[in-house]
Amino acid sequence: MKKYLIPILLVFGILSACTSDHKTKGSAENHIILKPFSDSVKIDTFKVALNGGAVKDMTIQFSITAYDGKLIYSKDFKAKDLIDNYKSSVDLKKERSQMDFIMNEYKLFLDDENFLEPAVTENESPDQYTPDKIFYNELKQSALNGFKYRTGKETSVYIAWSEKEKKVKPYYNCCK
């Protein structure tokens, strides 16, 4: 029995090191989702992290890393800005309600409903919220996936990979 104890402990140690995804003190656990985005088959990494201790210092950090390891998108959201965008519709006067709100936004950021497969379907047409109609039509052709995130109560940004420009771009901004 004794000769198996060390290998078993090593396996558990390696597993816990590989599955632990915590940041430094004052940071929450990272959420990671693997989905095709910059390629229709290869898997990219979507990551969201919540950093900071007090609400006034908190930031939600969002990034997408391509299948080849290259960072293709990064965006930081200050908790204070998100709270300010929702104050008119949600009671966020108390710090506890602000903290609950930010934690909820953080947890829902990578929700399945935010992944759009494909970004644009054949039947969809651009409208006044489409910033780049050429890119929108490119997405119709490529059938690559999209992702959406909220920046306010009724404001969302839809992003996708532009194969022509080799970068992530917004293809829909609704409804400022």
N, C-alpha and C. Protein backbone atom coordinates (compact mmCIF):
# COMPACT_ATOMS: atom_id res chain seq x y z
N MET A 1 0.83 -1.20 0.00
CA MET A 1 0.00 0.00 0.00
C MET A 1 0.87 1.26 0.00
N LYS A 2 1.95 1.22 0.78
CA LYS A 2 2.83 2.38 0.91
C LYS A 2 3.46 2.78 -0.43
N LYS A 3 3.79 1.77 -1.26
CA LYS A 3 4.45 2.08 -2.54
C LYS A 3 3.50 2.78 -3.51
N TYR A 4 2.19 2.70 -3.31
CA TYR A 4 1.22 3.37 -4.18
C TYR A 4 0.87 4.77 -3.69
N LEU A 5 1.19 5.08 -2.46
CA LEU A 5 0.79 6.36 -1.87
C LEU A 5 1.44 7.56 -2.59
N ILE A 6 2.72 7.49 -2.84
CA ILE A 6 3.42 8.61 -3.49
C ILE A 6 2.91 8.83 -4.91
N PRO A 7 2.78 7.79 -5.76
CA PRO A 7 2.23 8.03 -7.10
C PRO A 7 0.81 8.60 -7.06
N ILE A 8 0.00 8.11 -6.14
CA ILE A 8 -1.37 8.62 -6.03
C ILE A 8 -1.35 10.09 -5.64
N LEU A 9 -0.54 10.46 -4.67
CA LEU A 9 -0.43 11.85 -4.25
C LEU A 9 0.08 12.74 -5.38
N LEU A 10 1.04 12.23 -6.15
CA LEU A 10 1.56 12.99 -7.29
C LEU A 10 0.47 13.24 -8.33
N VAL A 11 -0.33 12.22 -8.63
CA VAL A 11 -1.41 12.38 -9.60
C VAL A 11 -2.40 13.42 -9.12
N PHE A 12 -2.81 13.35 -7.84
CA PHE A 12 -3.74 14.35 -7.30
C PHE A 12 -3.13 15.74 -7.31
N GLY A 13 -1.85 15.85 -7.01
CA GLY A 13 -1.17 17.15 -7.03
C GLY A 13 -1.13 17.75 -8.42
N ILE A 14 -0.82 16.92 -9.41
CA ILE A 14 -0.77 17.40 -10.80
C ILE A 14 -2.16 17.79 -11.27
N LEU A 15 -3.15 16.97 -10.96
CA LEU A 15 -4.53 17.28 -11.36
C LEU A 15 -5.01 18.58 -10.74
N SER A 16 -4.72 18.79 -9.48
CA SER A 16 -5.19 20.03 -8.85
C SER A 16 -4.44 21.24 -9.40
N ALA A 17 -3.18 21.08 -9.75
CA ALA A 17 -2.42 22.19 -10.34
C ALA A 17 -2.94 22.52 -11.73
N CYS A 18 -3.31 21.50 -12.49
CA CYS A 18 -3.80 21.71 -13.85
C CYS A 18 -5.22 22.27 -13.89
N THR A 19 -6.03 21.92 -12.92
CA THR A 19 -7.42 22.37 -12.95
C THR A 19 -7.64 23.64 -12.16
N SER A 20 -6.70 24.05 -11.37
CA SER A 20 -6.86 25.28 -10.60
C SER A 20 -6.65 26.45 -11.53
N ASP A 21 -7.57 27.40 -11.52
CA ASP A 21 -7.48 28.54 -12.42
C ASP A 21 -7.74 29.82 -11.64
N HIS A 22 -7.12 29.94 -10.50
CA HIS A 22 -7.34 31.11 -9.64
C HIS A 22 -6.26 32.14 -9.88
N LYS A 23 -6.66 33.38 -9.75
CA LYS A 23 -5.71 34.48 -9.86
C LYS A 23 -5.20 34.81 -8.46
N THR A 24 -4.53 35.92 -8.36
CA THR A 24 -3.99 36.34 -7.08
C THR A 24 -5.09 36.84 -6.16
N LYS A 25 -4.74 37.14 -4.93
CA LYS A 25 -5.71 37.63 -3.95
C LYS A 25 -6.47 38.82 -4.52
N GLY A 26 -7.78 38.83 -4.25
CA GLY A 26 -8.60 39.91 -4.77
C GLY A 26 -9.19 39.58 -6.13
N SER A 27 -8.97 38.36 -6.63
CA SER A 27 -9.50 37.96 -7.92
C SER A 27 -10.37 36.74 -7.77
N ALA A 28 -11.38 36.65 -8.58
CA ALA A 28 -12.26 35.49 -8.58
C ALA A 28 -11.73 34.45 -9.56
N GLU A 29 -12.34 33.31 -9.52
CA GLU A 29 -11.98 32.23 -10.43
C GLU A 29 -12.25 32.66 -11.87
N ASN A 30 -11.40 32.22 -12.77
CA ASN A 30 -11.60 32.49 -14.20
C ASN A 30 -12.64 31.54 -14.75
N HIS A 31 -13.41 32.01 -15.70
CA HIS A 31 -14.33 31.16 -16.43
C HIS A 31 -13.76 31.01 -17.83
N ILE A 32 -13.68 29.78 -18.30
CA ILE A 32 -13.12 29.50 -19.62
C ILE A 32 -14.08 28.61 -20.40
N ILE A 33 -14.33 28.98 -21.65
CA ILE A 33 -15.16 28.20 -22.56
C ILE A 33 -14.37 28.01 -23.85
N LEU A 34 -14.44 26.82 -24.40
CA LEU A 34 -13.77 26.52 -25.66
C LEU A 34 -14.83 26.37 -26.75
N LYS A 35 -14.71 27.22 -27.80
CA LYS A 35 -15.68 27.21 -28.90
C LYS A 35 -14.98 27.62 -30.20
N PRO A 36 -15.47 27.12 -31.34
CA PRO A 36 -14.96 27.62 -32.62
C PRO A 36 -15.38 29.08 -32.80
N PHE A 37 -14.46 29.91 -33.28
CA PHE A 37 -14.76 31.32 -33.47
C PHE A 37 -14.00 31.86 -34.67
N SER A 38 -12.66 31.84 -34.61
CA SER A 38 -11.86 32.37 -35.71
C SER A 38 -11.68 31.35 -36.83
N ASP A 39 -12.16 30.15 -36.60
CA ASP A 39 -12.12 29.07 -37.58
C ASP A 39 -13.41 28.28 -37.37
N SER A 40 -13.95 27.70 -38.40
CA SER A 40 -15.23 27.00 -38.25
C SER A 40 -15.09 25.65 -37.54
N VAL A 41 -13.88 25.13 -37.43
CA VAL A 41 -13.67 23.83 -36.80
C VAL A 41 -12.75 23.90 -35.58
N LYS A 42 -11.66 24.63 -35.70
CA LYS A 42 -10.67 24.69 -34.62
C LYS A 42 -11.23 25.51 -33.45
N ILE A 43 -10.81 25.12 -32.25
CA ILE A 43 -11.38 25.66 -31.02
C ILE A 43 -10.55 26.83 -30.47
N ASP A 44 -11.24 27.94 -30.19
CA ASP A 44 -10.63 29.11 -29.55
C ASP A 44 -11.01 29.11 -28.08
N THR A 45 -10.29 29.88 -27.28
CA THR A 45 -10.51 29.95 -25.83
C THR A 45 -11.11 31.30 -25.46
N PHE A 46 -12.30 31.27 -24.88
CA PHE A 46 -12.97 32.46 -24.35
C PHE A 46 -12.74 32.45 -22.84
N LYS A 47 -12.25 33.56 -22.34
CA LYS A 47 -11.92 33.63 -20.91
C LYS A 47 -12.45 34.93 -20.33
N VAL A 48 -13.05 34.83 -19.16
CA VAL A 48 -13.49 36.01 -18.44
C VAL A 48 -12.99 35.87 -17.00
N ALA A 49 -12.45 36.97 -16.48
CA ALA A 49 -11.91 36.99 -15.12
C ALA A 49 -12.43 38.23 -14.41
N LEU A 50 -12.66 38.09 -13.13
CA LEU A 50 -13.10 39.21 -12.31
C LEU A 50 -11.96 39.56 -11.37
N ASN A 51 -11.47 40.78 -11.47
CA ASN A 51 -10.33 41.22 -10.66
C ASN A 51 -10.69 42.42 -9.81
N GLY A 52 -10.07 42.49 -8.64
CA GLY A 52 -10.29 43.61 -7.74
C GLY A 52 -11.05 43.16 -6.50
N GLY A 53 -10.85 43.88 -5.41
CA GLY A 53 -11.51 43.53 -4.16
C GLY A 53 -12.79 44.30 -3.92
N ALA A 54 -12.71 45.61 -3.98
CA ALA A 54 -13.88 46.46 -3.76
C ALA A 54 -14.55 46.73 -5.11
N VAL A 55 -15.86 46.95 -5.08
CA VAL A 55 -16.62 47.19 -6.30
C VAL A 55 -16.01 48.33 -7.11
N LYS A 56 -15.61 49.39 -6.45
CA LYS A 56 -15.06 50.56 -7.16
C LYS A 56 -13.77 50.23 -7.91
N ASP A 57 -13.08 49.15 -7.51
CA ASP A 57 -11.83 48.76 -8.15
C ASP A 57 -11.96 47.55 -9.08
N MET A 58 -13.13 46.96 -9.13
CA MET A 58 -13.30 45.71 -9.88
C MET A 58 -13.32 45.94 -11.38
N THR A 59 -12.81 44.92 -12.08
CA THR A 59 -12.80 44.91 -13.54
C THR A 59 -13.13 43.50 -14.02
N ILE A 60 -14.02 43.43 -15.00
CA ILE A 60 -14.25 42.16 -15.68
C ILE A 60 -13.36 42.18 -16.92
N GLN A 61 -12.47 41.21 -17.00
CA GLN A 61 -11.55 41.12 -18.13
C GLN A 61 -11.99 39.98 -19.04
N PHE A 62 -12.19 40.30 -20.31
CA PHE A 62 -12.63 39.33 -21.30
C PHE A 62 -11.58 39.20 -22.38
N SER A 63 -11.29 37.97 -22.76
CA SER A 63 -10.32 37.76 -23.84
C SER A 63 -10.70 36.53 -24.67
N ILE A 64 -10.23 36.56 -25.92
CA ILE A 64 -10.37 35.41 -26.81
C ILE A 64 -8.97 35.10 -27.33
N THR A 65 -8.58 33.86 -27.16
CA THR A 65 -7.29 33.39 -27.67
C THR A 65 -7.57 32.36 -28.75
N ALA A 66 -6.99 32.57 -29.91
CA ALA A 66 -7.20 31.68 -31.05
C ALA A 66 -6.60 30.31 -30.79
N TYR A 67 -7.01 29.36 -31.59
CA TYR A 67 -6.53 27.98 -31.49
C TYR A 67 -5.01 27.88 -31.56
N ASP A 68 -4.35 28.85 -32.20
CA ASP A 68 -2.89 28.82 -32.34
C ASP A 68 -2.17 29.52 -31.19
N GLY A 69 -2.93 29.97 -30.16
CA GLY A 69 -2.34 30.60 -28.99
C GLY A 69 -2.22 32.11 -29.06
N LYS A 70 -2.64 32.72 -30.17
CA LYS A 70 -2.54 34.16 -30.34
C LYS A 70 -3.76 34.86 -29.74
N LEU A 71 -3.52 35.88 -28.93
CA LEU A 71 -4.60 36.69 -28.37
C LEU A 71 -5.23 37.50 -29.50
N ILE A 72 -6.53 37.29 -29.74
CA ILE A 72 -7.17 37.99 -30.86
C ILE A 72 -8.18 39.03 -30.39
N TYR A 73 -8.54 39.03 -29.11
CA TYR A 73 -9.49 40.03 -28.60
C TYR A 73 -9.32 40.16 -27.10
N SER A 74 -9.37 41.41 -26.64
CA SER A 74 -9.27 41.67 -25.21
C SER A 74 -10.06 42.93 -24.89
N LYS A 75 -10.86 42.85 -23.85
CA LYS A 75 -11.68 44.00 -23.46
C LYS A 75 -11.85 43.96 -21.94
N ASP A 76 -11.67 45.11 -21.32
CA ASP A 76 -11.87 45.25 -19.88
C ASP A 76 -13.11 46.08 -19.62
N PHE A 77 -13.90 45.66 -18.65
CA PHE A 77 -15.11 46.38 -18.26
C PHE A 77 -14.98 46.79 -16.80
N LYS A 78 -14.98 48.07 -16.53
CA LYS A 78 -14.92 48.54 -15.15
C LYS A 78 -16.29 48.33 -14.52
N ALA A 79 -16.29 47.75 -13.32
CA ALA A 79 -17.54 47.49 -12.62
C ALA A 79 -18.33 48.78 -12.43
N LYS A 80 -17.64 49.85 -12.11
CA LYS A 80 -18.30 51.14 -11.89
C LYS A 80 -19.06 51.58 -13.13
N ASP A 81 -18.47 51.40 -14.32
CA ASP A 81 -19.14 51.78 -15.57
C ASP A 81 -20.39 50.93 -15.82
N LEU A 82 -20.27 49.61 -15.57
CA LEU A 82 -21.43 48.73 -15.75
C LEU A 82 -22.56 49.12 -14.80
N ILE A 83 -22.21 49.41 -13.56
CA ILE A 83 -23.21 49.83 -12.57
C ILE A 83 -23.88 51.12 -13.01
N ASP A 84 -23.09 52.07 -13.47
CA ASP A 84 -23.64 53.35 -13.93
C ASP A 84 -24.61 53.16 -15.09
N ASN A 85 -24.33 52.19 -15.98
CA ASN A 85 -25.19 51.92 -17.12
C ASN A 85 -26.53 51.30 -16.73
N TYR A 86 -26.62 50.74 -15.53
CA TYR A 86 -27.85 50.07 -15.10
C TYR A 86 -28.58 50.78 -13.97
N LYS A 87 -27.99 51.83 -13.41
CA LYS A 87 -28.58 52.50 -12.24
C LYS A 87 -30.02 52.96 -12.44
N SER A 88 -30.37 53.37 -13.64
CA SER A 88 -31.72 53.88 -13.87
C SER A 88 -32.78 52.78 -13.82
N SER A 89 -32.39 51.53 -14.02
CA SER A 89 -33.38 50.46 -14.07
C SER A 89 -33.25 49.44 -12.94
N VAL A 90 -32.12 49.42 -12.25
CA VAL A 90 -31.88 48.45 -11.18
C VAL A 90 -31.45 49.22 -9.93
N ASP A 91 -31.96 48.80 -8.78
CA ASP A 91 -31.59 49.45 -7.52
C ASP A 91 -30.18 49.01 -7.13
N LEU A 92 -29.21 49.88 -7.37
CA LEU A 92 -27.81 49.55 -7.09
C LEU A 92 -27.19 50.59 -6.15
N LYS A 93 -27.97 51.07 -5.20
CA LYS A 93 -27.47 52.09 -4.28
C LYS A 93 -26.52 51.51 -3.24
N LYS A 94 -26.81 50.30 -2.78
CA LYS A 94 -26.00 49.67 -1.73
C LYS A 94 -24.87 48.88 -2.35
N GLU A 95 -23.74 48.86 -1.65
CA GLU A 95 -22.56 48.16 -2.17
C GLU A 95 -22.83 46.67 -2.31
N ARG A 96 -23.62 46.09 -1.41
CA ARG A 96 -23.93 44.66 -1.49
C ARG A 96 -24.69 44.33 -2.79
N SER A 97 -25.68 45.18 -3.14
CA SER A 97 -26.43 44.95 -4.37
C SER A 97 -25.54 45.18 -5.59
N GLN A 98 -24.60 46.11 -5.50
CA GLN A 98 -23.64 46.32 -6.59
C GLN A 98 -22.75 45.09 -6.77
N MET A 99 -22.28 44.53 -5.65
CA MET A 99 -21.42 43.34 -5.70
C MET A 99 -22.20 42.16 -6.30
N ASP A 100 -23.44 41.97 -5.87
CA ASP A 100 -24.26 40.88 -6.42
C ASP A 100 -24.47 41.07 -7.92
N PHE A 101 -24.73 42.30 -8.32
CA PHE A 101 -24.95 42.61 -9.74
C PHE A 101 -23.70 42.27 -10.57
N ILE A 102 -22.54 42.72 -10.11
CA ILE A 102 -21.29 42.47 -10.84
C ILE A 102 -20.99 40.97 -10.90
N MET A 103 -21.21 40.27 -9.80
CA MET A 103 -20.98 38.82 -9.80
C MET A 103 -21.91 38.12 -10.79
N ASN A 104 -23.15 38.56 -10.86
CA ASN A 104 -24.10 37.99 -11.80
C ASN A 104 -23.68 38.26 -13.25
N GLU A 105 -23.28 39.50 -13.54
CA GLU A 105 -22.81 39.84 -14.89
C GLU A 105 -21.60 38.98 -15.27
N TYR A 106 -20.70 38.82 -14.32
CA TYR A 106 -19.50 38.02 -14.53
C TYR A 106 -19.86 36.55 -14.83
N LYS A 107 -20.75 35.99 -14.02
CA LYS A 107 -21.13 34.59 -14.19
C LYS A 107 -21.87 34.34 -15.50
N LEU A 108 -22.65 35.31 -15.96
CA LEU A 108 -23.44 35.13 -17.17
C LEU A 108 -22.71 35.54 -18.45
N PHE A 109 -21.51 36.10 -18.32
CA PHE A 109 -20.80 36.63 -19.48
C PHE A 109 -20.60 35.57 -20.56
N LEU A 110 -20.20 34.38 -20.17
CA LEU A 110 -19.94 33.31 -21.14
C LEU A 110 -21.10 32.33 -21.25
N ASP A 111 -22.31 32.80 -20.98
CA ASP A 111 -23.50 31.98 -21.08
C ASP A 111 -23.68 31.51 -22.53
N ASP A 112 -24.24 30.32 -22.70
CA ASP A 112 -24.43 29.74 -24.04
C ASP A 112 -25.18 30.67 -24.99
N GLU A 113 -26.13 31.43 -24.48
CA GLU A 113 -26.92 32.29 -25.36
C GLU A 113 -26.10 33.42 -25.99
N ASN A 114 -24.90 33.68 -25.48
CA ASN A 114 -24.04 34.72 -26.04
C ASN A 114 -23.19 34.24 -27.21
N PHE A 115 -23.16 32.94 -27.43
CA PHE A 115 -22.42 32.37 -28.55
C PHE A 115 -23.40 32.17 -29.71
N LEU A 116 -23.13 32.83 -30.81
CA LEU A 116 -24.03 32.83 -31.96
C LEU A 116 -23.44 31.98 -33.07
N GLU A 117 -24.13 30.91 -33.42
CA GLU A 117 -23.62 29.94 -34.38
C GLU A 117 -24.61 29.75 -35.51
N PRO A 118 -24.37 30.34 -36.68
CA PRO A 118 -23.31 31.27 -37.05
C PRO A 118 -23.63 32.69 -36.59
N ALA A 119 -22.69 33.57 -36.79
CA ALA A 119 -22.89 34.97 -36.39
C ALA A 119 -24.05 35.59 -37.16
N VAL A 120 -24.10 35.34 -38.45
CA VAL A 120 -25.13 35.89 -39.32
C VAL A 120 -25.66 34.74 -40.20
N THR A 121 -26.96 34.60 -40.25
CA THR A 121 -27.56 33.56 -41.10
C THR A 121 -27.85 34.13 -42.49
N GLU A 122 -28.13 33.24 -43.42
CA GLU A 122 -28.42 33.65 -44.80
C GLU A 122 -29.62 34.58 -44.88
N ASN A 123 -30.59 34.38 -44.00
CA ASN A 123 -31.85 35.14 -44.06
C ASN A 123 -31.77 36.51 -43.41
N GLU A 124 -30.73 36.78 -42.65
CA GLU A 124 -30.62 38.06 -41.95
C GLU A 124 -30.11 39.15 -42.89
N SER A 125 -30.56 40.36 -42.61
CA SER A 125 -30.12 41.52 -43.40
C SER A 125 -29.61 42.60 -42.46
N PRO A 126 -28.60 43.37 -42.89
CA PRO A 126 -28.09 44.45 -42.04
C PRO A 126 -29.15 45.53 -41.85
N ASP A 127 -29.07 46.24 -40.73
CA ASP A 127 -29.98 47.35 -40.47
C ASP A 127 -29.19 48.54 -39.92
N GLN A 128 -29.86 49.49 -39.30
CA GLN A 128 -29.18 50.71 -38.83
C GLN A 128 -28.17 50.44 -37.72
N TYR A 129 -28.21 49.25 -37.10
CA TYR A 129 -27.27 48.93 -36.02
C TYR A 129 -26.04 48.17 -36.53
N THR A 130 -25.94 48.03 -37.83
CA THR A 130 -24.81 47.33 -38.46
C THR A 130 -23.74 48.35 -38.83
N PRO A 131 -22.58 48.36 -38.12
CA PRO A 131 -21.57 49.37 -38.39
C PRO A 131 -20.80 49.19 -39.70
N ASP A 132 -20.73 47.94 -40.21
CA ASP A 132 -19.94 47.66 -41.40
C ASP A 132 -20.67 46.61 -42.23
N LYS A 133 -21.40 47.06 -43.23
CA LYS A 133 -22.22 46.16 -44.04
C LYS A 133 -21.38 45.18 -44.87
N ILE A 134 -20.19 45.61 -45.26
CA ILE A 134 -19.30 44.71 -46.01
C ILE A 134 -18.86 43.55 -45.12
N PHE A 135 -18.50 43.86 -43.88
CA PHE A 135 -18.11 42.80 -42.93
C PHE A 135 -19.31 41.89 -42.63
N TYR A 136 -20.48 42.48 -42.48
CA TYR A 136 -21.69 41.71 -42.23
C TYR A 136 -21.91 40.68 -43.35
N ASN A 137 -21.75 41.12 -44.59
CA ASN A 137 -21.91 40.22 -45.73
C ASN A 137 -20.79 39.18 -45.80
N GLU A 138 -19.60 39.57 -45.36
CA GLU A 138 -18.49 38.60 -45.27
C GLU A 138 -18.87 37.47 -44.32
N LEU A 139 -19.49 37.83 -43.19
CA LEU A 139 -19.90 36.81 -42.22
C LEU A 139 -20.98 35.88 -42.78
N LYS A 140 -21.84 36.42 -43.61
CA LYS A 140 -22.84 35.57 -44.27
C LYS A 140 -22.15 34.50 -45.12
N GLN A 141 -21.09 34.92 -45.80
CA GLN A 141 -20.35 34.00 -46.68
C GLN A 141 -19.53 32.99 -45.88
N SER A 142 -18.82 33.46 -44.86
CA SER A 142 -17.91 32.60 -44.11
C SER A 142 -18.63 31.68 -43.14
N ALA A 143 -19.81 32.09 -42.67
CA ALA A 143 -20.59 31.33 -41.69
C ALA A 143 -19.83 31.11 -40.37
N LEU A 144 -18.88 32.02 -40.09
CA LEU A 144 -18.16 31.92 -38.82
C LEU A 144 -19.10 32.31 -37.68
N ASN A 145 -18.74 31.86 -36.48
CA ASN A 145 -19.56 32.13 -35.31
C ASN A 145 -19.33 33.53 -34.77
N GLY A 146 -20.28 33.99 -33.98
CA GLY A 146 -20.18 35.29 -33.35
C GLY A 146 -20.32 35.17 -31.84
N PHE A 147 -20.12 36.29 -31.18
CA PHE A 147 -20.28 36.35 -29.73
C PHE A 147 -20.87 37.71 -29.40
N LYS A 148 -21.77 37.76 -28.42
CA LYS A 148 -22.33 39.04 -28.00
C LYS A 148 -22.12 39.24 -26.52
N TYR A 149 -21.96 40.50 -26.14
CA TYR A 149 -21.88 40.85 -24.72
C TYR A 149 -22.58 42.17 -24.49
N ARG A 150 -23.06 42.34 -23.27
CA ARG A 150 -23.79 43.55 -22.92
C ARG A 150 -22.85 44.59 -22.33
N THR A 151 -23.11 45.83 -22.68
CA THR A 151 -22.36 46.94 -22.09
C THR A 151 -23.29 47.86 -21.30
N GLY A 152 -24.58 47.59 -21.38
CA GLY A 152 -25.59 48.36 -20.68
C GLY A 152 -26.90 47.62 -20.71
N LYS A 153 -27.91 48.20 -20.08
CA LYS A 153 -29.21 47.53 -19.98
C LYS A 153 -29.75 47.12 -21.34
N GLU A 154 -29.68 48.01 -22.29
CA GLU A 154 -30.21 47.71 -23.62
C GLU A 154 -29.16 47.88 -24.72
N THR A 155 -27.91 47.71 -24.36
CA THR A 155 -26.83 47.89 -25.32
C THR A 155 -25.98 46.62 -25.36
N SER A 156 -25.88 46.04 -26.54
CA SER A 156 -25.06 44.85 -26.73
C SER A 156 -24.14 45.05 -27.92
N VAL A 157 -22.98 44.41 -27.85
CA VAL A 157 -22.01 44.43 -28.94
C VAL A 157 -21.87 43.00 -29.44
N TYR A 158 -21.96 42.84 -30.75
CA TYR A 158 -21.81 41.53 -31.39
C TYR A 158 -20.48 41.56 -32.14
N ILE A 159 -19.64 40.57 -31.88
CA ILE A 159 -18.32 40.51 -32.51
C ILE A 159 -18.14 39.19 -33.25
N ALA A 160 -17.24 39.23 -34.24
CA ALA A 160 -16.89 38.02 -34.99
C ALA A 160 -15.51 38.21 -35.61
N TRP A 161 -14.98 37.14 -36.11
CA TRP A 161 -13.66 37.14 -36.75
C TRP A 161 -13.81 37.51 -38.22
N SER A 162 -13.02 38.48 -38.65
CA SER A 162 -12.96 38.83 -40.07
C SER A 162 -11.80 38.07 -40.68
N GLU A 163 -12.12 37.14 -41.54
CA GLU A 163 -11.08 36.36 -42.22
C GLU A 163 -10.28 37.26 -43.16
N LYS A 164 -10.92 38.23 -43.78
CA LYS A 164 -10.22 39.14 -44.70
C LYS A 164 -9.24 40.04 -43.98
N GLU A 165 -9.66 40.60 -42.82
CA GLU A 165 -8.80 41.53 -42.09
C GLU A 165 -7.98 40.87 -40.99
N LYS A 166 -8.23 39.59 -40.73
CA LYS A 166 -7.50 38.82 -39.71
C LYS A 166 -7.58 39.46 -38.33
N LYS A 167 -8.81 39.87 -37.95
CA LYS A 167 -9.01 40.45 -36.62
C LYS A 167 -10.48 40.33 -36.24
N VAL A 168 -10.73 40.50 -34.94
CA VAL A 168 -12.09 40.49 -34.43
C VAL A 168 -12.67 41.89 -34.60
N LYS A 169 -13.90 41.94 -35.10
CA LYS A 169 -14.56 43.23 -35.34
C LYS A 169 -16.00 43.16 -34.86
N PRO A 170 -16.56 44.31 -34.49
CA PRO A 170 -17.99 44.33 -34.20
C PRO A 170 -18.78 44.28 -35.52
N TYR A 171 -19.85 43.50 -35.53
CA TYR A 171 -20.69 43.46 -36.71
C TYR A 171 -22.12 43.92 -36.42
N TYR A 172 -22.39 44.16 -35.14
CA TYR A 172 -23.72 44.65 -34.77
C TYR A 172 -23.62 45.32 -33.41
N ASN A 173 -24.19 46.52 -33.28
CA ASN A 173 -24.24 47.25 -32.01
C ASN A 173 -25.69 47.61 -31.76
N CYS A 174 -26.27 46.98 -30.80
CA CYS A 174 -27.69 47.22 -30.57
C CYS A 174 -27.94 47.70 -29.15
N CYS A 175 -28.68 48.48 -28.85
CA CYS A 175 -29.54 49.41 -29.48
C CYS A 175 -29.35 50.73 -28.78
N LYS A 176 -28.28 51.36 -29.02
CA LYS A 176 -27.86 52.59 -28.33
C LYS A 176 -28.90 53.67 -28.42
